[in-house]
């Protein structure tokens, strides 16, 4: 529905118009459960999608075409606090994001949406008419609290499941593909190790270490006083304790250049493993992507 203000003579009125437009929605892979025996990501055999709805959203379903209004109202009356049970992965995601569970909005409902083949006899029990009980049909069924709240034949022509899975890289004989993190896992491990080693080396080379010959300390100097090192400090000793300085600085060799080279090498490996070169997310490469023609050359390649 679209609302638009239009003038009628000297007055303006809000006019509501209906139009059919294409729509697409992103669904979380954590809430989709396809048939585990499916092999083609583009055509799952059947699937369930889990919706976590608020009271308001569930009430809106009651007013939608095809949904069992009385059943939904009965569920709302019998479970005023909702029936949502958080899954293990939801708790894990909240912990990763430092979310406290006490702030999660209560009064939610778990609703399952099913797409796939259903026996005609079962659809008859759900109230679907004009079908053969011995045949099989592609159907769409919604369930909440173990009760059917909507059942219908698949409205799409040709009949198909309206969910498409597009893995970054497909795997033969397996429904789920693999993504960028898995593809660059080995290179990422090396880059993580190199980054830690680089920081450790940078910390060691930030300044020199000192060794002191305590036999050369002036009389009455304590170790605590000797630990106080600052520019232009003057040290006195009598020289009778032997040759060599009282204080000697030790500098650790810096390997940051070599470590940076290893890090850069495996970063390039990650680009090749994922087919996602760095220039696609903004890195400047020798003036090639600083102009329209240079960028065009890279994209064509």
C-alpha atoms as a PDB file:
ATOM      1  CA  UNK A   1       0.000   0.000   0.000  1.00  0.00           C
ATOM      2  CA  UNK A   2       1.216   3.480  -0.860  1.00  0.00           C
ATOM      3  CA  UNK A   3      -0.108   6.676   0.693  1.00  0.00           C
ATOM      4  CA  UNK A   4       0.001   9.903  -1.251  1.00  0.00           C
ATOM      5  CA  UNK A   5      -1.384  13.398  -0.704  1.00  0.00           C
ATOM      6  CA  UNK A   6      -3.473  14.609  -3.650  1.00  0.00           C
ATOM      7  CA  UNK A   7      -5.416  17.816  -4.116  1.00  0.00           C
ATOM      8  CA  UNK A   8      -9.156  17.789  -4.759  1.00  0.00           C
ATOM      9  CA  UNK A   9     -10.106  21.329  -5.522  1.00  0.00           C
ATOM     10  CA  UNK A  10      -9.048  23.453  -2.562  1.00  0.00           C
ATOM     11  CA  UNK A  11      -8.560  20.460  -0.268  1.00  0.00           C
ATOM     12  CA  UNK A  12      -5.763  17.924   0.143  1.00  0.00           C
ATOM     13  CA  UNK A  13      -6.597  14.329   0.936  1.00  0.00           C
ATOM     14  CA  UNK A  14      -4.451  11.336   1.830  1.00  0.00           C
ATOM     15  CA  UNK A  15      -5.098   8.695  -0.831  1.00  0.00           C
ATOM     16  CA  UNK A  16      -4.093   5.055  -0.340  1.00  0.00           C
ATOM     17  CA  UNK A  17      -3.275   3.037  -3.419  1.00  0.00           C
ATOM     18  CA  UNK A  18      -2.384  -0.609  -3.812  1.00  0.00           C
ATOM     19  CA  UNK A  19       0.258  -1.840  -6.235  1.00  0.00           C
ATOM     20  CA  UNK A  20       2.006  -5.161  -6.830  1.00  0.00           C
ATOM     21  CA  UNK A  21       5.776  -4.905  -6.564  1.00  0.00           C
ATOM     22  CA  UNK A  22       8.586  -7.467  -6.354  1.00  0.00           C
ATOM     23  CA  UNK A  23       9.989  -8.024  -2.872  1.00  0.00           C
ATOM     24  CA  UNK A  24      12.981  -9.853  -1.463  1.00  0.00           C
ATOM     25  CA  UNK A  25      13.861 -10.653   2.143  1.00  0.00           C
ATOM     26  CA  UNK A  26      17.072 -11.827   3.805  1.00  0.00           C
ATOM     27  CA  UNK A  27      16.665 -14.761   6.196  1.00  0.00           C
ATOM     28  CA  UNK A  28      19.221 -15.830   8.800  1.00  0.00           C
ATOM     29  CA  UNK A  29      20.819 -19.235   8.167  1.00  0.00           C
ATOM     30  CA  UNK A  30      20.451 -19.849  11.914  1.00  0.00           C
ATOM     31  CA  UNK A  31      16.656 -19.920  11.526  1.00  0.00           C
ATOM     32  CA  UNK A  32      16.445 -22.076   8.381  1.00  0.00           C
ATOM     33  CA  UNK A  33      16.315 -25.863   8.548  1.00  0.00           C
ATOM     34  CA  UNK A  34      16.359 -27.485   5.086  1.00  0.00           C
ATOM     35  CA  UNK A  35      16.062 -31.210   4.467  1.00  0.00           C
ATOM     36  CA  UNK A  36      19.522 -32.618   5.434  1.00  0.00           C
ATOM     37  CA  UNK A  37      19.379 -34.920   2.391  1.00  0.00           C
ATOM     38  CA  UNK A  38      19.114 -31.979  -0.010  1.00  0.00           C
ATOM     39  CA  UNK A  39      22.178 -31.483  -2.215  1.00  0.00           C
ATOM     40  CA  UNK A  40      21.264 -28.551  -4.475  1.00  0.00           C
ATOM     41  CA  UNK A  41      21.393 -25.178  -2.623  1.00  0.00           C
ATOM     42  CA  UNK A  42      19.089 -23.708  -5.264  1.00  0.00           C
ATOM     43  CA  UNK A  43      16.405 -26.354  -4.778  1.00  0.00           C
ATOM     44  CA  UNK A  44      16.014 -27.768  -1.257  1.00  0.00           C
ATOM     45  CA  UNK A  45      13.593 -30.707  -0.960  1.00  0.00           C
ATOM     46  CA  UNK A  46      11.711 -28.954   1.827  1.00  0.00           C
ATOM     47  CA  UNK A  47      12.503 -26.637   4.710  1.00  0.00           C
ATOM     48  CA  UNK A  48      11.346 -25.090   7.960  1.00  0.00           C
ATOM     49  CA  UNK A  49      11.913 -21.486   8.888  1.00  0.00           C
ATOM     50  CA  UNK A  50      11.725 -20.414  12.515  1.00  0.00           C
ATOM     51  CA  UNK A  51      10.190 -17.026  13.265  1.00  0.00           C
ATOM     52  CA  UNK A  52      10.450 -15.377  16.686  1.00  0.00           C
ATOM     53  CA  UNK A  53       7.463 -13.015  16.789  1.00  0.00           C
ATOM     54  CA  UNK A  54       6.185 -10.496  19.279  1.00  0.00           C
ATOM     55  CA  UNK A  55       2.549 -10.458  20.398  1.00  0.00           C
ATOM     56  CA  UNK A  56       1.868  -7.636  17.987  1.00  0.00           C
ATOM     57  CA  UNK A  57       3.371  -9.514  15.040  1.00  0.00           C
ATOM     58  CA  UNK A  58       1.415 -12.675  15.893  1.00  0.00           C
ATOM     59  CA  UNK A  59      -1.815 -10.654  16.130  1.00  0.00           C
ATOM     60  CA  UNK A  60      -1.063  -9.188  12.693  1.00  0.00           C
ATOM     61  CA  UNK A  61      -0.916 -12.735  11.305  1.00  0.00           C
ATOM     62  CA  UNK A  62      -4.421 -13.305  12.687  1.00  0.00           C
ATOM     63  CA  UNK A  63      -5.672 -10.568  10.393  1.00  0.00           C
ATOM     64  CA  UNK A  64      -3.845 -11.908   7.341  1.00  0.00           C
ATOM     65  CA  UNK A  65      -5.512 -13.926   4.602  1.00  0.00           C
ATOM     66  CA  UNK A  66      -5.536 -17.674   5.220  1.00  0.00           C
ATOM     67  CA  UNK A  67      -4.489 -17.669   8.887  1.00  0.00           C
ATOM     68  CA  UNK A  68      -6.657 -19.258  11.562  1.00  0.00           C
ATOM     69  CA  UNK A  69      -7.756 -16.230  13.572  1.00  0.00           C
ATOM     70  CA  UNK A  70      -9.437 -18.200  16.360  1.00  0.00           C
ATOM     71  CA  UNK A  71      -6.425 -20.495  16.860  1.00  0.00           C
ATOM     72  CA  UNK A  72      -4.025 -17.538  17.069  1.00  0.00           C
ATOM     73  CA  UNK A  73      -6.256 -15.739  19.593  1.00  0.00           C
ATOM     74  CA  UNK A  74      -6.470 -18.942  21.675  1.00  0.00           C
ATOM     75  CA  UNK A  75      -2.649 -19.195  21.711  1.00  0.00           C
ATOM     76  CA  UNK A  76      -2.376 -15.560  22.814  1.00  0.00           C
ATOM     77  CA  UNK A  77      -4.903 -16.135  25.600  1.00  0.00           C
ATOM     78  CA  UNK A  78      -3.339 -19.382  26.845  1.00  0.00           C
ATOM     79  CA  UNK A  79       0.281 -18.137  26.690  1.00  0.00           C
ATOM     80  CA  UNK A  80       0.231 -14.413  27.532  1.00  0.00           C
ATOM     81  CA  UNK A  81       3.975 -14.552  28.375  1.00  0.00           C
ATOM     82  CA  UNK A  82       4.833 -16.202  25.062  1.00  0.00           C
ATOM     83  CA  UNK A  83       6.306 -19.624  24.351  1.00  0.00           C
ATOM     84  CA  UNK A  84       9.698 -18.622  22.968  1.00  0.00           C
ATOM     85  CA  UNK A  85      12.589 -20.834  24.094  1.00  0.00           C
ATOM     86  CA  UNK A  86      16.031 -19.391  23.164  1.00  0.00           C
ATOM     87  CA  UNK A  87      18.247 -21.812  21.258  1.00  0.00           C
ATOM     88  CA  UNK A  88      21.834 -22.479  22.316  1.00  0.00           C
ATOM     89  CA  UNK A  89      23.210 -20.494  19.381  1.00  0.00           C
ATOM     90  CA  UNK A  90      21.106 -17.472  20.401  1.00  0.00           C
ATOM     91  CA  UNK A  91      22.648 -17.494  23.878  1.00  0.00           C
ATOM     92  CA  UNK A  92      26.098 -17.868  22.332  1.00  0.00           C
ATOM     93  CA  UNK A  93      25.529 -14.934  19.975  1.00  0.00           C
ATOM     94  CA  UNK A  94      24.338 -12.781  22.883  1.00  0.00           C
ATOM     95  CA  UNK A  95      27.477 -13.679  24.837  1.00  0.00           C
ATOM     96  CA  UNK A  96      29.677 -12.830  21.852  1.00  0.00           C
ATOM     97  CA  UNK A  97      27.911  -9.465  21.513  1.00  0.00           C
ATOM     98  CA  UNK A  98      28.035  -8.850  25.301  1.00  0.00           C
ATOM     99  CA  UNK A  99      24.236  -8.734  25.493  1.00  0.00           C
ATOM    100  CA  UNK A 100      22.656  -9.396  28.866  1.00  0.00           C
ATOM    101  CA  UNK A 101      19.722 -11.825  28.658  1.00  0.00           C
ATOM    102  CA  UNK A 102      17.671  -9.874  31.169  1.00  0.00           C
ATOM    103  CA  UNK A 103      17.276  -7.104  28.570  1.00  0.00           C
ATOM    104  CA  UNK A 104      15.877  -9.423  25.891  1.00  0.00           C
ATOM    105  CA  UNK A 105      12.266  -8.454  25.161  1.00  0.00           C
ATOM    106  CA  UNK A 106       9.916 -11.101  26.653  1.00  0.00           C
ATOM    107  CA  UNK A 107       6.485 -12.199  25.414  1.00  0.00           C
ATOM    108  CA  UNK A 108       7.687 -13.710  22.150  1.00  0.00           C
ATOM    109  CA  UNK A 109       6.368 -16.681  20.241  1.00  0.00           C
ATOM    110  CA  UNK A 110       8.120 -19.374  18.204  1.00  0.00           C
ATOM    111  CA  UNK A 111       6.381 -19.875  14.852  1.00  0.00           C
ATOM    112  CA  UNK A 112       7.462 -22.470  12.273  1.00  0.00           C
ATOM    113  CA  UNK A 113       6.921 -21.895   8.551  1.00  0.00           C
ATOM    114  CA  UNK A 114       7.048 -25.033   6.384  1.00  0.00           C
ATOM    115  CA  UNK A 115       7.434 -25.310   2.596  1.00  0.00           C
ATOM    116  CA  UNK A 116       7.448 -28.680   0.876  1.00  0.00           C
ATOM    117  CA  UNK A 117       5.431 -31.759  -0.087  1.00  0.00           C
ATOM    118  CA  UNK A 118       2.426 -32.784   2.041  1.00  0.00           C
ATOM    119  CA  UNK A 119      -0.038 -35.683   1.608  1.00  0.00           C
ATOM    120  CA  UNK A 120      -3.497 -34.698   0.431  1.00  0.00           C
ATOM    121  CA  UNK A 121      -5.101 -36.552   3.346  1.00  0.00           C
ATOM    122  CA  UNK A 122      -3.215 -34.403   5.853  1.00  0.00           C
ATOM    123  CA  UNK A 123      -4.124 -31.227   3.995  1.00  0.00           C
ATOM    124  CA  UNK A 124      -7.781 -32.290   4.127  1.00  0.00           C
ATOM    125  CA  UNK A 125      -7.508 -32.503   7.910  1.00  0.00           C
ATOM    126  CA  UNK A 126      -6.084 -28.978   7.890  1.00  0.00           C
ATOM    127  CA  UNK A 127      -9.133 -27.709   5.993  1.00  0.00           C
ATOM    128  CA  UNK A 128      -7.737 -27.483   2.446  1.00  0.00           C
ATOM    129  CA  UNK A 129     -10.545 -28.328  -0.018  1.00  0.00           C
ATOM    130  CA  UNK A 130     -10.765 -29.550  -3.626  1.00  0.00           C
ATOM    131  CA  UNK A 131      -7.780 -31.900  -3.430  1.00  0.00           C
ATOM    132  CA  UNK A 132      -7.216 -35.629  -3.893  1.00  0.00           C
ATOM    133  CA  UNK A 133      -6.482 -37.388  -0.581  1.00  0.00           C
ATOM    134  CA  UNK A 134      -4.247 -39.927  -2.329  1.00  0.00           C
ATOM    135  CA  UNK A 135      -2.084 -37.306  -4.083  1.00  0.00           C
ATOM    136  CA  UNK A 136       0.852 -35.271  -2.866  1.00  0.00           C
ATOM    137  CA  UNK A 137       0.923 -31.475  -3.020  1.00  0.00           C
ATOM    138  CA  UNK A 138       3.407 -28.702  -2.525  1.00  0.00           C
ATOM    139  CA  UNK A 139       2.119 -26.780   0.469  1.00  0.00           C
ATOM    140  CA  UNK A 140       2.863 -23.970   2.895  1.00  0.00           C
ATOM    141  CA  UNK A 141       1.994 -24.614   6.558  1.00  0.00           C
ATOM    142  CA  UNK A 142       2.523 -22.390   9.616  1.00  0.00           C
ATOM    143  CA  UNK A 143       2.659 -23.869  13.132  1.00  0.00           C
ATOM    144  CA  UNK A 144       2.711 -22.234  16.577  1.00  0.00           C
ATOM    145  CA  UNK A 145       2.601 -23.971  19.937  1.00  0.00           C
ATOM    146  CA  UNK A 146       2.152 -27.321  18.158  1.00  0.00           C
ATOM    147  CA  UNK A 147      -1.011 -26.102  16.403  1.00  0.00           C
ATOM    148  CA  UNK A 148      -1.614 -25.302  12.754  1.00  0.00           C
ATOM    149  CA  UNK A 149      -2.368 -21.616  12.241  1.00  0.00           C
ATOM    150  CA  UNK A 150      -2.340 -21.634   8.430  1.00  0.00           C
ATOM    151  CA  UNK A 151      -2.325 -24.288   5.694  1.00  0.00           C
ATOM    152  CA  UNK A 152      -2.554 -23.708   1.961  1.00  0.00           C
ATOM    153  CA  UNK A 153      -1.336 -25.080  -1.325  1.00  0.00           C
ATOM    154  CA  UNK A 154       1.848 -23.508  -2.644  1.00  0.00           C
ATOM    155  CA  UNK A 155       0.596 -20.296  -4.314  1.00  0.00           C
ATOM    156  CA  UNK A 156       3.636 -19.915  -6.577  1.00  0.00           C
ATOM    157  CA  UNK A 157       3.520 -20.844 -10.244  1.00  0.00           C
ATOM    158  CA  UNK A 158       5.458 -22.934 -11.030  1.00  0.00           C
ATOM    159  CA  UNK A 159       5.426 -24.486  -7.563  1.00  0.00           C
ATOM    160  CA  UNK A 160       8.739 -23.822  -5.840  1.00  0.00           C
ATOM    161  CA  UNK A 161      10.131 -23.119  -2.399  1.00  0.00           C
ATOM    162  CA  UNK A 162      10.591 -19.323  -2.185  1.00  0.00           C
ATOM    163  CA  UNK A 163      13.979 -19.545  -0.459  1.00  0.00           C
ATOM    164  CA  UNK A 164      17.285 -19.556  -2.320  1.00  0.00           C
ATOM    165  CA  UNK A 165      20.610 -20.411  -0.737  1.00  0.00           C
ATOM    166  CA  UNK A 166      23.648 -18.822  -2.351  1.00  0.00           C
ATOM    167  CA  UNK A 167      26.863 -20.107  -0.729  1.00  0.00           C
ATOM    168  CA  UNK A 168      30.074 -18.241  -1.501  1.00  0.00           C
ATOM    169  CA  UNK A 169      31.562 -21.524  -2.747  1.00  0.00           C
ATOM    170  CA  UNK A 170      29.546 -24.676  -3.360  1.00  0.00           C
ATOM    171  CA  UNK A 171      30.665 -28.086  -2.117  1.00  0.00           C
ATOM    172  CA  UNK A 172      29.916 -31.213  -4.135  1.00  0.00           C
ATOM    173  CA  UNK A 173      27.272 -33.543  -2.620  1.00  0.00           C
ATOM    174  CA  UNK A 174      26.633 -31.164   0.248  1.00  0.00           C
ATOM    175  CA  UNK A 175      23.852 -28.639   0.742  1.00  0.00           C
ATOM    176  CA  UNK A 176      25.780 -26.098   2.800  1.00  0.00           C
ATOM    177  CA  UNK A 177      28.714 -24.429   1.068  1.00  0.00           C
ATOM    178  CA  UNK A 178      31.690 -22.663   2.614  1.00  0.00           C
ATOM    179  CA  UNK A 179      32.327 -18.975   3.171  1.00  0.00           C
ATOM    180  CA  UNK A 180      35.235 -16.554   3.147  1.00  0.00           C
ATOM    181  CA  UNK A 181      36.398 -17.168   6.762  1.00  0.00           C
ATOM    182  CA  UNK A 182      36.772 -20.927   6.150  1.00  0.00           C
ATOM    183  CA  UNK A 183      38.499 -20.436   2.790  1.00  0.00           C
ATOM    184  CA  UNK A 184      41.177 -18.152   4.228  1.00  0.00           C
ATOM    185  CA  UNK A 185      41.473 -20.004   7.539  1.00  0.00           C
ATOM    186  CA  UNK A 186      45.093 -21.142   7.086  1.00  0.00           C
ATOM    187  CA  UNK A 187      46.309 -17.746   5.885  1.00  0.00           C
ATOM    188  CA  UNK A 188      44.419 -16.056   8.714  1.00  0.00           C
ATOM    189  CA  UNK A 189      46.138 -18.304  11.284  1.00  0.00           C
ATOM    190  CA  UNK A 190      49.565 -17.319   9.914  1.00  0.00           C
ATOM    191  CA  UNK A 191      48.636 -13.623   9.852  1.00  0.00           C
ATOM    192  CA  UNK A 192      47.383 -13.831  13.452  1.00  0.00           C
ATOM    193  CA  UNK A 193      50.598 -15.527  14.617  1.00  0.00           C
ATOM    194  CA  UNK A 194      52.750 -13.067  12.669  1.00  0.00           C
ATOM    195  CA  UNK A 195      50.811 -10.113  14.041  1.00  0.00           C
ATOM    196  CA  UNK A 196      51.319 -11.322  17.617  1.00  0.00           C
ATOM    197  CA  UNK A 197      55.045 -11.916  16.991  1.00  0.00           C
ATOM    198  CA  UNK A 198      55.378  -8.462  15.414  1.00  0.00           C
ATOM    199  CA  UNK A 199      53.776  -6.780  18.427  1.00  0.00           C
ATOM    200  CA  UNK A 200      55.908  -8.794  20.857  1.00  0.00           C
ATOM    201  CA  UNK A 201      59.047  -7.799  18.961  1.00  0.00           C
ATOM    202  CA  UNK A 202      57.935  -4.172  18.820  1.00  0.00           C
ATOM    203  CA  UNK A 203      57.443  -4.203  22.601  1.00  0.00           C
ATOM    204  CA  UNK A 204      60.932  -5.652  23.191  1.00  0.00           C
ATOM    205  CA  UNK A 205      62.609  -3.154  20.862  1.00  0.00           C
ATOM    206  CA  UNK A 206      60.767  -0.097  22.224  1.00  0.00           C
ATOM    207  CA  UNK A 207      63.781   0.646  24.416  1.00  0.00           C
ATOM    208  CA  UNK A 208      67.056  -0.916  25.639  1.00  0.00           C
ATOM    209  CA  UNK A 209      67.490  -3.200  28.620  1.00  0.00           C
ATOM    210  CA  UNK A 210      70.228  -2.426  31.162  1.00  0.00           C
ATOM    211  CA  UNK A 211      72.633  -4.562  33.130  1.00  0.00           C
ATOM    212  CA  UNK A 212      74.407  -3.118  36.192  1.00  0.00           C
ATOM    213  CA  UNK A 213      77.537  -4.223  38.003  1.00  0.00           C
ATOM    214  CA  UNK A 214      76.425  -3.973  41.612  1.00  0.00           C
ATOM    215  CA  UNK A 215      80.069  -4.121  42.779  1.00  0.00           C
ATOM    216  CA  UNK A 216      80.556  -0.677  41.269  1.00  0.00           C
ATOM    217  CA  UNK A 217      77.627   0.935  43.080  1.00  0.00           C
ATOM    218  CA  UNK A 218      78.675   3.964  45.169  1.00  0.00           C
ATOM    219  CA  UNK A 219      78.577   3.318  48.870  1.00  0.00           C
ATOM    220  CA  UNK A 220      75.103   3.686  50.289  1.00  0.00           C
ATOM    221  CA  UNK A 221      73.242   3.339  46.941  1.00  0.00           C
ATOM    222  CA  UNK A 222      70.241   1.020  47.141  1.00  0.00           C
ATOM    223  CA  UNK A 223      68.876  -1.165  44.351  1.00  0.00           C
ATOM    224  CA  UNK A 224      65.671   0.865  44.310  1.00  0.00           C
ATOM    225  CA  UNK A 225      67.639   4.042  43.664  1.00  0.00           C
ATOM    226  CA  UNK A 226      69.704   2.318  40.957  1.00  0.00           C
ATOM    227  CA  UNK A 227      66.497   1.321  39.112  1.00  0.00           C
ATOM    228  CA  UNK A 228      65.640   4.998  38.560  1.00  0.00           C
ATOM    229  CA  UNK A 229      66.911   5.670  35.046  1.00  0.00           C
ATOM    230  CA  UNK A 230      66.311   9.023  33.384  1.00  0.00           C
ATOM    231  CA  UNK A 231      68.113  11.282  30.881  1.00  0.00           C
ATOM    232  CA  UNK A 232      71.249  13.165  32.034  1.00  0.00           C
ATOM    233  CA  UNK A 233      71.570  11.117  35.214  1.00  0.00           C
ATOM    234  CA  UNK A 234      75.177  11.073  36.431  1.00  0.00           C
ATOM    235  CA  UNK A 235      76.604   7.867  37.913  1.00  0.00           C
ATOM    236  CA  UNK A 236      79.716   7.767  40.117  1.00  0.00           C
ATOM    237  CA  UNK A 237      81.928   4.796  40.914  1.00  0.00           C
ATOM    238  CA  UNK A 238      85.535   4.507  42.069  1.00  0.00           C
ATOM    239  CA  UNK A 239      86.822   2.048  39.425  1.00  0.00           C
ATOM    240  CA  UNK A 240      88.531  -0.296  41.941  1.00  0.00           C
ATOM    241  CA  UNK A 241      86.046  -3.145  41.267  1.00  0.00           C
ATOM    242  CA  UNK A 242      87.572  -4.055  37.895  1.00  0.00           C
ATOM    243  CA  UNK A 243      87.279  -3.086  34.266  1.00  0.00           C
ATOM    244  CA  UNK A 244      84.073  -2.523  32.381  1.00  0.00           C
ATOM    245  CA  UNK A 245      81.253  -0.025  32.778  1.00  0.00           C
ATOM    246  CA  UNK A 246      78.930  -0.011  35.730  1.00  0.00           C
ATOM    247  CA  UNK A 247      75.861   0.181  33.430  1.00  0.00           C
ATOM    248  CA  UNK A 248      75.584  -1.368  29.985  1.00  0.00           C
ATOM    249  CA  UNK A 249      72.615  -1.093  27.577  1.00  0.00           C
ATOM    250  CA  UNK A 250      71.355  -4.135  25.674  1.00  0.00           C
ATOM    251  CA  UNK A 251      69.337  -3.528  22.505  1.00  0.00           C
ATOM    252  CA  UNK A 252      67.087  -6.250  21.097  1.00  0.00           C
ATOM    253  CA  UNK A 253      67.209  -6.772  17.337  1.00  0.00           C
ATOM    254  CA  UNK A 254      64.107  -5.550  15.517  1.00  0.00           C
ATOM    255  CA  UNK A 255      62.542  -8.101  13.135  1.00  0.00           C
ATOM    256  CA  UNK A 256      59.488  -6.013  12.330  1.00  0.00           C
ATOM    257  CA  UNK A 257      60.377  -5.616   8.651  1.00  0.00           C
ATOM    258  CA  UNK A 258      60.718  -9.376   8.118  1.00  0.00           C
ATOM    259  CA  UNK A 259      57.522 -10.088  10.055  1.00  0.00           C
ATOM    260  CA  UNK A 260      55.634  -7.435   8.085  1.00  0.00           C
ATOM    261  CA  UNK A 261      56.797  -9.108   4.867  1.00  0.00           C
ATOM    262  CA  UNK A 262      55.450 -12.477   6.037  1.00  0.00           C
ATOM    263  CA  UNK A 263      52.154 -10.848   7.034  1.00  0.00           C
ATOM    264  CA  UNK A 264      51.812  -9.169   3.626  1.00  0.00           C
ATOM    265  CA  UNK A 265      52.663 -12.417   1.802  1.00  0.00           C
ATOM    266  CA  UNK A 266      49.880 -14.345   3.501  1.00  0.00           C
ATOM    267  CA  UNK A 267      47.460 -11.456   3.106  1.00  0.00           C
ATOM    268  CA  UNK A 268      47.972 -11.825  -0.644  1.00  0.00           C
ATOM    269  CA  UNK A 269      47.437 -15.573  -0.273  1.00  0.00           C
ATOM    270  CA  UNK A 270      44.097 -14.810   1.404  1.00  0.00           C
ATOM    271  CA  UNK A 271      43.131 -12.594  -1.561  1.00  0.00           C
ATOM    272  CA  UNK A 272      43.812 -15.465  -3.944  1.00  0.00           C
ATOM    273  CA  UNK A 273      42.085 -18.096  -1.796  1.00  0.00           C
ATOM    274  CA  UNK A 274      38.875 -16.070  -1.503  1.00  0.00           C
ATOM    275  CA  UNK A 275      38.919 -14.456  -4.980  1.00  0.00           C
ATOM    276  CA  UNK A 276      38.296 -11.206  -3.123  1.00  0.00           C
ATOM    277  CA  UNK A 277      41.269  -8.920  -3.910  1.00  0.00           C
ATOM    278  CA  UNK A 278      41.990  -6.014  -1.619  1.00  0.00           C
ATOM    279  CA  UNK A 279      41.158  -3.360  -4.199  1.00  0.00           C
ATOM    280  CA  UNK A 280      37.491  -4.419  -3.983  1.00  0.00           C
ATOM    281  CA  UNK A 281      37.328  -3.007  -0.455  1.00  0.00           C
ATOM    282  CA  UNK A 282      39.249   0.189  -1.021  1.00  0.00           C
ATOM    283  CA  UNK A 283      43.001  -0.499  -1.058  1.00  0.00           C
ATOM    284  CA  UNK A 284      44.952   1.661  -3.508  1.00  0.00           C
ATOM    285  CA  UNK A 285      47.182  -0.408  -5.806  1.00  0.00           C
ATOM    286  CA  UNK A 286      49.851   1.519  -7.748  1.00  0.00           C
ATOM    287  CA  UNK A 287      47.383   4.020  -9.215  1.00  0.00           C
ATOM    288  CA  UNK A 288      45.383   1.266 -10.972  1.00  0.00           C
ATOM    289  CA  UNK A 289      42.173   1.948  -9.079  1.00  0.00           C
ATOM    290  CA  UNK A 290      42.614   5.686  -8.651  1.00  0.00           C
ATOM    291  CA  UNK A 291      40.935   6.435 -11.990  1.00  0.00           C
ATOM    292  CA  UNK A 292      37.807   5.241 -13.757  1.00  0.00           C
ATOM    293  CA  UNK A 293      39.787   3.563 -16.538  1.00  0.00           C
ATOM    294  CA  UNK A 294      42.158   1.877 -14.073  1.00  0.00           C
ATOM    295  CA  UNK A 295      39.254   0.529 -12.041  1.00  0.00           C
ATOM    296  CA  UNK A 296      37.577  -0.683 -15.222  1.00  0.00           C
ATOM    297  CA  UNK A 297      40.733  -2.623 -16.145  1.00  0.00           C
ATOM    298  CA  UNK A 298      40.792  -4.323 -12.741  1.00  0.00           C
ATOM    299  CA  UNK A 299      37.104  -5.219 -12.747  1.00  0.00           C
ATOM    300  CA  UNK A 300      37.328  -6.661 -16.274  1.00  0.00           C
ATOM    301  CA  UNK A 301      40.334  -8.774 -15.261  1.00  0.00           C
END
